[in-house]
């Protein structure tokens, strides 16, 4: 089975997510931005831990 559809979907999803994030980021105050960036860091580390545990 070929993974091109998955890779293309991941790329399109990340581009779409980044553009939506920039749109809403421009409309937020600094406190909300700080909360979101903290949550994003936690989510990123959780995701990386999950990926690392799968590869072991």
C-alpha atoms as a PDB file:
ATOM      1  CA  UNK A   1       0.000   0.000   0.000  1.00  0.00           C
ATOM      2  CA  UNK A   2       1.361   3.395  -0.839  1.00  0.00           C
ATOM      3  CA  UNK A   3       1.521   6.173   1.723  1.00  0.00           C
ATOM      4  CA  UNK A   4       1.393   9.175  -0.611  1.00  0.00           C
ATOM      5  CA  UNK A   5      -2.196   9.993   0.357  1.00  0.00           C
ATOM      6  CA  UNK A   6      -1.268  10.050   4.030  1.00  0.00           C
ATOM      7  CA  UNK A   7       1.801  12.230   3.452  1.00  0.00           C
ATOM      8  CA  UNK A   8      -0.137  14.672   1.280  1.00  0.00           C
ATOM      9  CA  UNK A   9      -2.924  14.849   3.870  1.00  0.00           C
ATOM     10  CA  UNK A  10      -0.431  15.527   6.647  1.00  0.00           C
ATOM     11  CA  UNK A  11       1.188  18.323   4.657  1.00  0.00           C
ATOM     12  CA  UNK A  12      -2.142  19.937   3.729  1.00  0.00           C
ATOM     13  CA  UNK A  13      -3.364  19.589   7.322  1.00  0.00           C
ATOM     14  CA  UNK A  14      -0.271  21.221   8.762  1.00  0.00           C
ATOM     15  CA  UNK A  15      -0.453  24.117   6.288  1.00  0.00           C
ATOM     16  CA  UNK A  16      -4.151  24.605   7.007  1.00  0.00           C
ATOM     17  CA  UNK A  17      -3.562  24.432  10.771  1.00  0.00           C
ATOM     18  CA  UNK A  18      -0.745  26.962  10.596  1.00  0.00           C
ATOM     19  CA  UNK A  19      -2.839  29.428   8.599  1.00  0.00           C
ATOM     20  CA  UNK A  20      -5.822  29.092  10.958  1.00  0.00           C
ATOM     21  CA  UNK A  21      -3.452  29.482  13.922  1.00  0.00           C
ATOM     22  CA  UNK A  22      -2.008  32.679  12.470  1.00  0.00           C
ATOM     23  CA  UNK A  23      -5.490  34.072  11.857  1.00  0.00           C
ATOM     24  CA  UNK A  24      -6.655  33.462  15.422  1.00  0.00           C
ATOM     25  CA  UNK A  25      -3.263  34.417  16.851  1.00  0.00           C
ATOM     26  CA  UNK A  26      -3.599  37.888  15.398  1.00  0.00           C
ATOM     27  CA  UNK A  27      -6.903  38.360  17.209  1.00  0.00           C
ATOM     28  CA  UNK A  28      -5.790  37.306  20.717  1.00  0.00           C
ATOM     29  CA  UNK A  29      -4.377  39.181  23.649  1.00  0.00           C
ATOM     30  CA  UNK A  30      -0.940  38.241  25.051  1.00  0.00           C
ATOM     31  CA  UNK A  31      -2.274  36.254  28.040  1.00  0.00           C
ATOM     32  CA  UNK A  32      -4.289  33.958  25.775  1.00  0.00           C
ATOM     33  CA  UNK A  33      -1.271  33.507  23.493  1.00  0.00           C
ATOM     34  CA  UNK A  34       0.858  32.508  26.473  1.00  0.00           C
ATOM     35  CA  UNK A  35      -1.694  29.930  27.632  1.00  0.00           C
ATOM     36  CA  UNK A  36      -1.986  28.441  24.145  1.00  0.00           C
ATOM     37  CA  UNK A  37       1.776  28.245  23.643  1.00  0.00           C
ATOM     38  CA  UNK A  38       2.160  26.483  27.006  1.00  0.00           C
ATOM     39  CA  UNK A  39      -0.543  23.975  26.081  1.00  0.00           C
ATOM     40  CA  UNK A  40       1.041  23.477  22.654  1.00  0.00           C
ATOM     41  CA  UNK A  41       4.410  22.692  24.249  1.00  0.00           C
ATOM     42  CA  UNK A  42       2.776  20.131  26.542  1.00  0.00           C
ATOM     43  CA  UNK A  43       0.914  18.559  23.621  1.00  0.00           C
ATOM     44  CA  UNK A  44       4.079  18.420  21.527  1.00  0.00           C
ATOM     45  CA  UNK A  45       6.053  16.680  24.262  1.00  0.00           C
ATOM     46  CA  UNK A  46       3.204  14.221  24.833  1.00  0.00           C
ATOM     47  CA  UNK A  47       3.033  13.484  21.118  1.00  0.00           C
ATOM     48  CA  UNK A  48       6.790  12.955  20.885  1.00  0.00           C
ATOM     49  CA  UNK A  49       6.716  10.620  23.901  1.00  0.00           C
ATOM     50  CA  UNK A  50       3.948   8.623  22.240  1.00  0.00           C
ATOM     51  CA  UNK A  51       5.841   8.381  18.961  1.00  0.00           C
ATOM     52  CA  UNK A  52       9.033   7.336  20.747  1.00  0.00           C
ATOM     53  CA  UNK A  53       7.197   4.621  22.692  1.00  0.00           C
ATOM     54  CA  UNK A  54       5.762   3.245  19.430  1.00  0.00           C
ATOM     55  CA  UNK A  55       9.207   3.031  17.825  1.00  0.00           C
ATOM     56  CA  UNK A  56      10.729   1.111  20.762  1.00  0.00           C
END
